[in-house]
Amino acid sequence: MFADIDGNTHHYVSYGEGPPVVFLHGLGGTAGIFHGTMQAMQQHHHVVAVDLRGHGRSQGRGKFSIEGWARDVQKLIRHLELPAVTLVGHSLGSLIAQELASNSPDTVDQLVLVGGISYFQPPTCDAYRERAEIVERDGMDPLVDAWLEGAISPQSHATHAGMVGLLRDMFLRNEPQSYAKSCRALATAPRIRRDEIGQPTLIVTGAHDRSTPLAMAEELRSSIPVSRVKVLPDVGHWLPLESPGVLAATLLEFLT
């Protein structure tokens, strides 16, 4: 399905019945990373996942920013005429989810941050700017092997070869200019007033997550008033693909 929002065509998937849950993927991802989790939740919830601007099958005109993506998501929620939603954000999507929860509390009823980002130190921001320059110059191929090595846990690399191959393909299918703009948006992410986030918040992290490790999850927990951390074993940063059923069970428990 597609919706026109501010001059861009956005792709999304939507099915199931019940209270709405909206999923936001991470940098270089698509709505498809949540397919397994959404399938497991559709009997209890109306589940929606969107390809963010410049990702997947959504167009990528204009400048990218955390605030801009949050406006896109808010307008899609209004387009679908949804009541207040549970917003699930993975990685980059977790920043967008925090931004929307903070600035539009009537839109977001509950918040789930998967591989959640609090903030990045300057060296990490510089690394994202360098990544943007590389893909603009040479495309996605020079980054894929190092990216894939750190994306998932060693166990997933050893036991889910098919998933690893599809994850590799998803990364390489990113349009380099859009990916570069996304990297720069992440490097310049705003400081969000997390102490003003009033929604009950679940922070989910993989035990082998090297991108947003447990220390970052605990930092989020300490700054969001009503929040708790759940650690999933044997998975890394892209846990929605590594363990979709366990993530679905974790979300359903939180929402019950």
C-alpha atoms as a PDB file:
ATOM      1  CA  MET A   1       0.000   0.000   0.000  1.00  0.00           C
ATOM      2  CA  PHE A   2       1.099   3.565  -0.658  1.00  0.00           C
ATOM      3  CA  ALA A   3       0.303   7.021   0.741  1.00  0.00           C
ATOM      4  CA  ASP A   4       1.327  10.437  -0.593  1.00  0.00           C
ATOM      5  CA  ILE A   5       2.848  12.549   2.188  1.00  0.00           C
ATOM      6  CA  ASP A   6       4.408  15.959   1.551  1.00  0.00           C
ATOM      7  CA  GLY A   7       5.313  15.191  -2.035  1.00  0.00           C
ATOM      8  CA  ASN A   8       6.768  11.749  -1.333  1.00  0.00           C
ATOM      9  CA  THR A   9       5.100   8.407  -1.931  1.00  0.00           C
ATOM     10  CA  HIS A  10       5.433   6.238   1.178  1.00  0.00           C
ATOM     11  CA  HIS A  11       5.097   2.467   1.145  1.00  0.00           C
ATOM     12  CA  TYR A  12       3.580   0.716   4.144  1.00  0.00           C
ATOM     13  CA  VAL A  13       1.959  -2.577   5.145  1.00  0.00           C
ATOM     14  CA  SER A  14      -1.132  -2.772   7.335  1.00  0.00           C
ATOM     15  CA  TYR A  15      -3.214  -5.712   8.541  1.00  0.00           C
ATOM     16  CA  GLY A  16      -4.741  -7.364  11.602  1.00  0.00           C
ATOM     17  CA  GLU A  17      -7.343  -6.205  14.095  1.00  0.00           C
ATOM     18  CA  GLY A  18      -7.111  -4.650  17.529  1.00  0.00           C
ATOM     19  CA  PRO A  19      -5.174  -1.803  19.137  1.00  0.00           C
ATOM     20  CA  PRO A  20      -2.720  -0.314  16.615  1.00  0.00           C
ATOM     21  CA  VAL A  21       1.026  -0.985  16.718  1.00  0.00           C
ATOM     22  CA  VAL A  22       3.250   0.958  14.286  1.00  0.00           C
ATOM     23  CA  PHE A  23       6.772  -0.278  13.474  1.00  0.00           C
ATOM     24  CA  LEU A  24       9.709   1.913  12.361  1.00  0.00           C
ATOM     25  CA  HIS A  25      12.836   0.224  10.975  1.00  0.00           C
ATOM     26  CA  GLY A  26      16.475   1.212  11.344  1.00  0.00           C
ATOM     27  CA  LEU A  27      19.064   2.782   9.023  1.00  0.00           C
ATOM     28  CA  GLY A  28      19.199   0.924   5.721  1.00  0.00           C
ATOM     29  CA  GLY A  29      16.238  -1.268   6.626  1.00  0.00           C
ATOM     30  CA  THR A  30      12.681  -1.639   5.387  1.00  0.00           C
ATOM     31  CA  ALA A  31       9.266  -2.435   6.803  1.00  0.00           C
ATOM     32  CA  GLY A  32      10.010  -6.071   5.951  1.00  0.00           C
ATOM     33  CA  ILE A  33      12.330  -6.559   8.922  1.00  0.00           C
ATOM     34  CA  PHE A  34       9.225  -6.738  11.124  1.00  0.00           C
ATOM     35  CA  HIS A  35       7.333  -9.253   8.964  1.00  0.00           C
ATOM     36  CA  GLY A  36       7.743 -12.198  11.333  1.00  0.00           C
ATOM     37  CA  THR A  37       6.853 -10.173  14.414  1.00  0.00           C
ATOM     38  CA  MET A  38       3.804  -8.640  12.741  1.00  0.00           C
ATOM     39  CA  GLN A  39       2.568 -12.029  11.561  1.00  0.00           C
ATOM     40  CA  ALA A  40       2.692 -13.282  15.139  1.00  0.00           C
ATOM     41  CA  MET A  41       0.824 -10.224  16.473  1.00  0.00           C
ATOM     42  CA  GLN A  42      -1.903  -9.718  13.878  1.00  0.00           C
ATOM     43  CA  GLN A  43      -4.553 -11.747  15.715  1.00  0.00           C
ATOM     44  CA  HIS A  44      -4.343  -9.340  18.649  1.00  0.00           C
ATOM     45  CA  HIS A  45      -3.346  -6.004  17.070  1.00  0.00           C
ATOM     46  CA  HIS A  46      -3.677  -3.874  13.961  1.00  0.00           C
ATOM     47  CA  VAL A  47      -0.041  -3.835  12.857  1.00  0.00           C
ATOM     48  CA  VAL A  48       1.477  -1.241  10.524  1.00  0.00           C
ATOM     49  CA  ALA A  49       5.048  -0.900   9.246  1.00  0.00           C
ATOM     50  CA  VAL A  50       6.324   1.862   6.990  1.00  0.00           C
ATOM     51  CA  ASP A  51       9.336   2.247   4.729  1.00  0.00           C
ATOM     52  CA  LEU A  52      10.825   5.505   5.985  1.00  0.00           C
ATOM     53  CA  ARG A  53      11.494   8.275   3.476  1.00  0.00           C
ATOM     54  CA  GLY A  54      14.425   7.201   1.299  1.00  0.00           C
ATOM     55  CA  HIS A  55      14.185   3.534   2.294  1.00  0.00           C
ATOM     56  CA  GLY A  56      12.652   0.487   0.693  1.00  0.00           C
ATOM     57  CA  ARG A  57       9.841   1.407  -1.696  1.00  0.00           C
ATOM     58  CA  SER A  58       9.320   4.931  -0.314  1.00  0.00           C
ATOM     59  CA  GLN A  59      10.598   7.918  -2.253  1.00  0.00           C
ATOM     60  CA  GLY A  60      13.480   9.988  -0.940  1.00  0.00           C
ATOM     61  CA  ARG A  61      13.002  13.564  -2.081  1.00  0.00           C
ATOM     62  CA  GLY A  62      14.165  16.430   0.112  1.00  0.00           C
ATOM     63  CA  LYS A  63      16.344  16.639   3.182  1.00  0.00           C
ATOM     64  CA  PHE A  64      16.292  13.859   5.770  1.00  0.00           C
ATOM     65  CA  SER A  65      16.136  14.478   9.524  1.00  0.00           C
ATOM     66  CA  ILE A  66      14.819  12.800  12.648  1.00  0.00           C
ATOM     67  CA  GLU A  67      12.201  15.534  12.953  1.00  0.00           C
ATOM     68  CA  GLY A  68      11.179  15.163   9.294  1.00  0.00           C
ATOM     69  CA  TRP A  69      10.784  11.399   9.532  1.00  0.00           C
ATOM     70  CA  ALA A  70       8.719  11.873  12.699  1.00  0.00           C
ATOM     71  CA  ARG A  71       6.393  14.252  10.817  1.00  0.00           C
ATOM     72  CA  ASP A  72       6.061  11.685   8.024  1.00  0.00           C
ATOM     73  CA  VAL A  73       5.055   8.996  10.526  1.00  0.00           C
ATOM     74  CA  GLN A  74       2.608  11.293  12.286  1.00  0.00           C
ATOM     75  CA  LYS A  75       0.934  12.171   8.980  1.00  0.00           C
ATOM     76  CA  LEU A  76       0.723   8.491   8.001  1.00  0.00           C
ATOM     77  CA  ILE A  77      -0.965   7.712  11.335  1.00  0.00           C
ATOM     78  CA  ARG A  78      -3.454  10.481  10.627  1.00  0.00           C
ATOM     79  CA  HIS A  79      -3.906   9.262   7.043  1.00  0.00           C
ATOM     80  CA  LEU A  80      -4.830   5.831   8.398  1.00  0.00           C
ATOM     81  CA  GLU A  81      -7.153   7.447  10.978  1.00  0.00           C
ATOM     82  CA  LEU A  82      -5.578   5.498  13.822  1.00  0.00           C
ATOM     83  CA  PRO A  83      -6.156   6.247  17.491  1.00  0.00           C
ATOM     84  CA  ALA A  84      -3.105   6.663  19.731  1.00  0.00           C
ATOM     85  CA  VAL A  85      -0.639   3.922  18.782  1.00  0.00           C
ATOM     86  CA  THR A  86       2.027   1.790  20.349  1.00  0.00           C
ATOM     87  CA  LEU A  87       5.131   2.947  18.484  1.00  0.00           C
ATOM     88  CA  VAL A  88       7.957   0.423  18.012  1.00  0.00           C
ATOM     89  CA  GLY A  89      11.213   1.879  16.714  1.00  0.00           C
ATOM     90  CA  HIS A  90      14.352  -0.059  15.823  1.00  0.00           C
ATOM     91  CA  SER A  91      17.739   1.720  15.945  1.00  0.00           C
ATOM     92  CA  LEU A  92      17.330   4.869  13.809  1.00  0.00           C
ATOM     93  CA  GLY A  93      13.594   4.259  14.129  1.00  0.00           C
ATOM     94  CA  SER A  94      13.944   4.428  17.909  1.00  0.00           C
ATOM     95  CA  LEU A  95      15.079   8.063  17.646  1.00  0.00           C
ATOM     96  CA  ILE A  96      12.117   8.861  15.407  1.00  0.00           C
ATOM     97  CA  ALA A  97       9.814   7.140  17.885  1.00  0.00           C
ATOM     98  CA  GLN A  98      11.250   9.138  20.797  1.00  0.00           C
ATOM     99  CA  GLU A  99      10.907  12.387  18.845  1.00  0.00           C
ATOM    100  CA  LEU A 100       7.263  11.688  18.029  1.00  0.00           C
ATOM    101  CA  ALA A 101       6.414  10.510  21.556  1.00  0.00           C
ATOM    102  CA  SER A 102       7.993  13.633  23.025  1.00  0.00           C
ATOM    103  CA  ASN A 103       6.449  16.184  20.669  1.00  0.00           C
ATOM    104  CA  SER A 104       3.093  14.548  19.907  1.00  0.00           C
ATOM    105  CA  PRO A 105       2.029  12.682  23.056  1.00  0.00           C
ATOM    106  CA  ASP A 106      -1.571  12.393  21.804  1.00  0.00           C
ATOM    107  CA  THR A 107      -0.303  10.282  18.889  1.00  0.00           C
ATOM    108  CA  VAL A 108       1.706   7.756  20.921  1.00  0.00           C
ATOM    109  CA  ASP A 109       0.151   5.718  23.722  1.00  0.00           C
ATOM    110  CA  GLN A 110       3.087   3.392  24.493  1.00  0.00           C
ATOM    111  CA  LEU A 111       6.687   3.258  23.294  1.00  0.00           C
ATOM    112  CA  VAL A 112       9.030   0.369  22.482  1.00  0.00           C
ATOM    113  CA  LEU A 113      12.685   1.033  21.628  1.00  0.00           C
ATOM    114  CA  VAL A 114      14.455  -1.935  20.010  1.00  0.00           C
ATOM    115  CA  GLY A 115      18.203  -1.482  19.826  1.00  0.00           C
ATOM    116  CA  GLY A 116      17.407   1.996  21.085  1.00  0.00           C
ATOM    117  CA  ILE A 117      19.714   4.969  20.585  1.00  0.00           C
ATOM    118  CA  SER A 118      20.251   7.534  23.324  1.00  0.00           C
ATOM    119  CA  TYR A 119      22.924   9.684  21.653  1.00  0.00           C
ATOM    120  CA  PHE A 120      26.208   9.135  19.842  1.00  0.00           C
ATOM    121  CA  GLN A 121      29.568  10.496  20.919  1.00  0.00           C
ATOM    122  CA  PRO A 122      31.377  12.734  18.350  1.00  0.00           C
ATOM    123  CA  PRO A 123      33.631   9.911  17.026  1.00  0.00           C
ATOM    124  CA  THR A 124      30.552   7.857  16.133  1.00  0.00           C
ATOM    125  CA  CYS A 125      28.905  10.845  14.460  1.00  0.00           C
ATOM    126  CA  ASP A 126      32.096  11.392  12.454  1.00  0.00           C
ATOM    127  CA  ALA A 127      32.041   7.724  11.417  1.00  0.00           C
ATOM    128  CA  TYR A 128      28.523   8.138  10.009  1.00  0.00           C
ATOM    129  CA  ARG A 129      29.620  11.217   8.059  1.00  0.00           C
ATOM    130  CA  GLU A 130      32.558   9.229   6.667  1.00  0.00           C
ATOM    131  CA  ARG A 131      30.192   6.388   5.760  1.00  0.00           C
ATOM    132  CA  ALA A 132      28.054   8.880   3.824  1.00  0.00           C
ATOM    133  CA  GLU A 133      31.088  10.044   1.829  1.00  0.00           C
ATOM    134  CA  ILE A 134      32.095   6.461   1.008  1.00  0.00           C
ATOM    135  CA  VAL A 135      28.693   5.426  -0.361  1.00  0.00           C
ATOM    136  CA  GLU A 136      28.360   8.636  -2.372  1.00  0.00           C
ATOM    137  CA  ARG A 137      31.721   7.939  -3.964  1.00  0.00           C
ATOM    138  CA  ASP A 138      31.792   4.143  -4.239  1.00  0.00           C
ATOM    139  CA  GLY A 139      28.276   2.832  -3.597  1.00  0.00           C
ATOM    140  CA  MET A 140      27.137   0.359  -0.928  1.00  0.00           C
ATOM    141  CA  ASP A 141      29.488  -2.528  -1.727  1.00  0.00           C
ATOM    142  CA  PRO A 142      32.580  -1.312   0.205  1.00  0.00           C
ATOM    143  CA  LEU A 143      30.595  -1.252   3.461  1.00  0.00           C
ATOM    144  CA  VAL A 144      28.521  -4.394   3.340  1.00  0.00           C
ATOM    145  CA  ASP A 145      30.919  -7.003   4.771  1.00  0.00           C
ATOM    146  CA  ALA A 146      31.986  -4.997   7.821  1.00  0.00           C
ATOM    147  CA  TRP A 147      28.392  -3.876   8.387  1.00  0.00           C
ATOM    148  CA  LEU A 148      27.027  -7.418   8.190  1.00  0.00           C
ATOM    149  CA  GLU A 149      29.649  -8.790  10.573  1.00  0.00           C
ATOM    150  CA  GLY A 150      28.464  -6.477  13.351  1.00  0.00           C
ATOM    151  CA  ALA A 151      24.768  -6.480  12.511  1.00  0.00           C
ATOM    152  CA  ILE A 152      23.834  -9.806  14.079  1.00  0.00           C
ATOM    153  CA  SER A 153      25.137 -12.207  16.689  1.00  0.00           C
ATOM    154  CA  PRO A 154      27.740 -14.922  16.047  1.00  0.00           C
ATOM    155  CA  GLN A 155      25.045 -17.538  16.660  1.00  0.00           C
ATOM    156  CA  SER A 156      22.817 -16.022  13.983  1.00  0.00           C
ATOM    157  CA  HIS A 157      25.721 -15.972  11.534  1.00  0.00           C
ATOM    158  CA  ALA A 158      26.289 -19.681  12.240  1.00  0.00           C
ATOM    159  CA  THR A 159      22.692 -20.925  12.211  1.00  0.00           C
ATOM    160  CA  HIS A 160      20.661 -18.594   9.947  1.00  0.00           C
ATOM    161  CA  ALA A 161      22.631 -18.408   6.702  1.00  0.00           C
ATOM    162  CA  GLY A 162      19.521 -17.676   4.633  1.00  0.00           C
ATOM    163  CA  MET A 163      18.575 -14.710   6.797  1.00  0.00           C
ATOM    164  CA  VAL A 164      22.145 -13.420   6.607  1.00  0.00           C
ATOM    165  CA  GLY A 165      22.015 -13.520   2.821  1.00  0.00           C
ATOM    166  CA  LEU A 166      18.722 -11.618   2.699  1.00  0.00           C
ATOM    167  CA  LEU A 167      20.043  -9.043   5.167  1.00  0.00           C
ATOM    168  CA  ARG A 168      23.062  -8.533   2.931  1.00  0.00           C
ATOM    169  CA  ASP A 169      20.811  -8.083  -0.084  1.00  0.00           C
ATOM    170  CA  MET A 170      18.605  -5.581   1.755  1.00  0.00           C
ATOM    171  CA  PHE A 171      21.635  -3.456   2.622  1.00  0.00           C
ATOM    172  CA  LEU A 172      22.997  -3.483  -0.920  1.00  0.00           C
ATOM    173  CA  ARG A 173      19.624  -2.450  -2.359  1.00  0.00           C
ATOM    174  CA  ASN A 174      19.791   0.926  -0.610  1.00  0.00           C
ATOM    175  CA  GLU A 175      20.046   3.857  -3.010  1.00  0.00           C
ATOM    176  CA  PRO A 176      23.450   5.388  -2.147  1.00  0.00           C
ATOM    177  CA  GLN A 177      22.326   9.033  -2.132  1.00  0.00           C
ATOM    178  CA  SER A 178      19.397   8.304   0.164  1.00  0.00           C
ATOM    179  CA  TYR A 179      21.563   6.179   2.451  1.00  0.00           C
ATOM    180  CA  ALA A 180      24.154   8.967   2.637  1.00  0.00           C
ATOM    181  CA  LYS A 181      21.478  11.512   3.542  1.00  0.00           C
ATOM    182  CA  SER A 182      20.209   9.123   6.227  1.00  0.00           C
ATOM    183  CA  CYS A 183      23.708   8.744   7.694  1.00  0.00           C
ATOM    184  CA  ARG A 184      24.077  12.524   7.950  1.00  0.00           C
ATOM    185  CA  ALA A 185      20.639  12.829   9.551  1.00  0.00           C
ATOM    186  CA  LEU A 186      21.669  10.276  12.165  1.00  0.00           C
ATOM    187  CA  ALA A 187      24.963  12.099  12.776  1.00  0.00           C
ATOM    188  CA  THR A 188      23.060  15.343  13.461  1.00  0.00           C
ATOM    189  CA  ALA A 189      20.211  13.837  15.493  1.00  0.00           C
ATOM    190  CA  PRO A 190      18.650  16.293  17.967  1.00  0.00           C
ATOM    191  CA  ARG A 191      18.887  15.976  21.723  1.00  0.00           C
ATOM    192  CA  ILE A 192      15.471  14.700  22.787  1.00  0.00           C
ATOM    193  CA  ARG A 193      14.002  15.662  26.168  1.00  0.00           C
ATOM    194  CA  ARG A 194      13.526  12.109  27.356  1.00  0.00           C
ATOM    195  CA  ASP A 195      12.587  13.241  30.842  1.00  0.00           C
ATOM    196  CA  GLU A 196       9.414  14.607  29.223  1.00  0.00           C
ATOM    197  CA  ILE A 197       8.442  11.292  27.624  1.00  0.00           C
ATOM    198  CA  GLY A 198       5.408  10.262  29.672  1.00  0.00           C
ATOM    199  CA  GLN A 199       4.460   7.064  27.843  1.00  0.00           C
ATOM    200  CA  PRO A 200       5.212   3.659  29.389  1.00  0.00           C
ATOM    201  CA  THR A 201       8.353   2.545  27.564  1.00  0.00           C
ATOM    202  CA  LEU A 202       9.932  -0.852  26.964  1.00  0.00           C
ATOM    203  CA  ILE A 203      13.590  -0.891  25.885  1.00  0.00           C
ATOM    204  CA  VAL A 204      14.617  -4.135  24.160  1.00  0.00           C
ATOM    205  CA  THR A 205      18.246  -4.953  23.427  1.00  0.00           C
ATOM    206  CA  GLY A 206      20.124  -7.989  22.181  1.00  0.00           C
ATOM    207  CA  ALA A 207      22.761  -9.517  24.424  1.00  0.00           C
ATOM    208  CA  HIS A 208      25.234  -9.361  21.506  1.00  0.00           C
ATOM    209  CA  ASP A 209      24.282  -5.879  20.256  1.00  0.00           C
ATOM    210  CA  ARG A 210      27.512  -4.022  19.494  1.00  0.00           C
ATOM    211  CA  SER A 211      25.851  -0.978  17.900  1.00  0.00           C
ATOM    212  CA  THR A 212      23.546  -0.059  20.796  1.00  0.00           C
ATOM    213  CA  PRO A 213      24.786  -2.133  23.728  1.00  0.00           C
ATOM    214  CA  LEU A 214      23.208  -2.682  27.127  1.00  0.00           C
ATOM    215  CA  ALA A 215      24.913   0.430  28.533  1.00  0.00           C
ATOM    216  CA  MET A 216      22.962   2.552  26.046  1.00  0.00           C
ATOM    217  CA  ALA A 217      19.722   0.771  26.956  1.00  0.00           C
ATOM    218  CA  GLU A 218      20.363   1.496  30.623  1.00  0.00           C
ATOM    219  CA  GLU A 219      21.040   5.137  29.790  1.00  0.00           C
ATOM    220  CA  LEU A 220      17.671   5.325  28.067  1.00  0.00           C
ATOM    221  CA  ARG A 221      16.006   3.671  31.058  1.00  0.00           C
ATOM    222  CA  SER A 222      17.531   6.184  33.461  1.00  0.00           C
ATOM    223  CA  SER A 223      16.329   9.149  31.387  1.00  0.00           C
ATOM    224  CA  ILE A 224      12.778   8.022  30.498  1.00  0.00           C
ATOM    225  CA  PRO A 225      10.600   8.217  33.637  1.00  0.00           C
ATOM    226  CA  VAL A 226       8.400   5.111  33.171  1.00  0.00           C
ATOM    227  CA  SER A 227      10.619   2.565  31.456  1.00  0.00           C
ATOM    228  CA  ARG A 228      12.269  -0.814  31.795  1.00  0.00           C
ATOM    229  CA  VAL A 229      14.844  -2.887  29.914  1.00  0.00           C
ATOM    230  CA  LYS A 230      14.438  -6.360  28.442  1.00  0.00           C
ATOM    231  CA  VAL A 231      17.551  -8.196  27.214  1.00  0.00           C
ATOM    232  CA  LEU A 232      17.073 -10.945  24.609  1.00  0.00           C
ATOM    233  CA  PRO A 233      19.760 -13.668  24.557  1.00  0.00           C
ATOM    234  CA  ASP A 234      21.677 -14.931  21.522  1.00  0.00           C
ATOM    235  CA  VAL A 235      20.821 -11.971  19.244  1.00  0.00           C
ATOM    236  CA  GLY A 236      22.494  -8.771  18.114  1.00  0.00           C
ATOM    237  CA  HIS A 237      21.389  -5.413  16.756  1.00  0.00           C
ATOM    238  CA  TRP A 238      19.020  -6.656  14.049  1.00  0.00           C
ATOM    239  CA  LEU A 239      17.048  -8.783  16.485  1.00  0.00           C
ATOM    240  CA  PRO A 240      13.685  -8.232  14.685  1.00  0.00           C
ATOM    241  CA  LEU A 241      15.117 -10.505  11.967  1.00  0.00           C
ATOM    242  CA  GLU A 242      17.118 -12.781  14.243  1.00  0.00           C
ATOM    243  CA  SER A 243      14.305 -13.622  16.652  1.00  0.00           C
ATOM    244  CA  PRO A 244      10.933 -12.296  15.434  1.00  0.00           C
ATOM    245  CA  GLY A 245       8.843 -14.681  17.505  1.00  0.00           C
ATOM    246  CA  VAL A 246      10.598 -13.819  20.746  1.00  0.00           C
ATOM    247  CA  LEU A 247      10.236 -10.112  19.965  1.00  0.00           C
ATOM    248  CA  ALA A 248       6.511 -10.615  19.296  1.00  0.00           C
ATOM    249  CA  ALA A 249       6.073 -12.450  22.614  1.00  0.00           C
ATOM    250  CA  THR A 250       7.970  -9.686  24.400  1.00  0.00           C
ATOM    251  CA  LEU A 251       5.755  -6.999  22.843  1.00  0.00           C
ATOM    252  CA  LEU A 252       2.525  -8.892  23.571  1.00  0.00           C
ATOM    253  CA  GLU A 253       3.565  -9.325  27.198  1.00  0.00           C
ATOM    254  CA  PHE A 254       4.284  -5.611  27.463  1.00  0.00           C
ATOM    255  CA  LEU A 255       0.952  -4.695  25.866  1.00  0.00           C
ATOM    256  CA  THR A 256      -1.172  -7.058  27.949  1.00  0.00           C
END
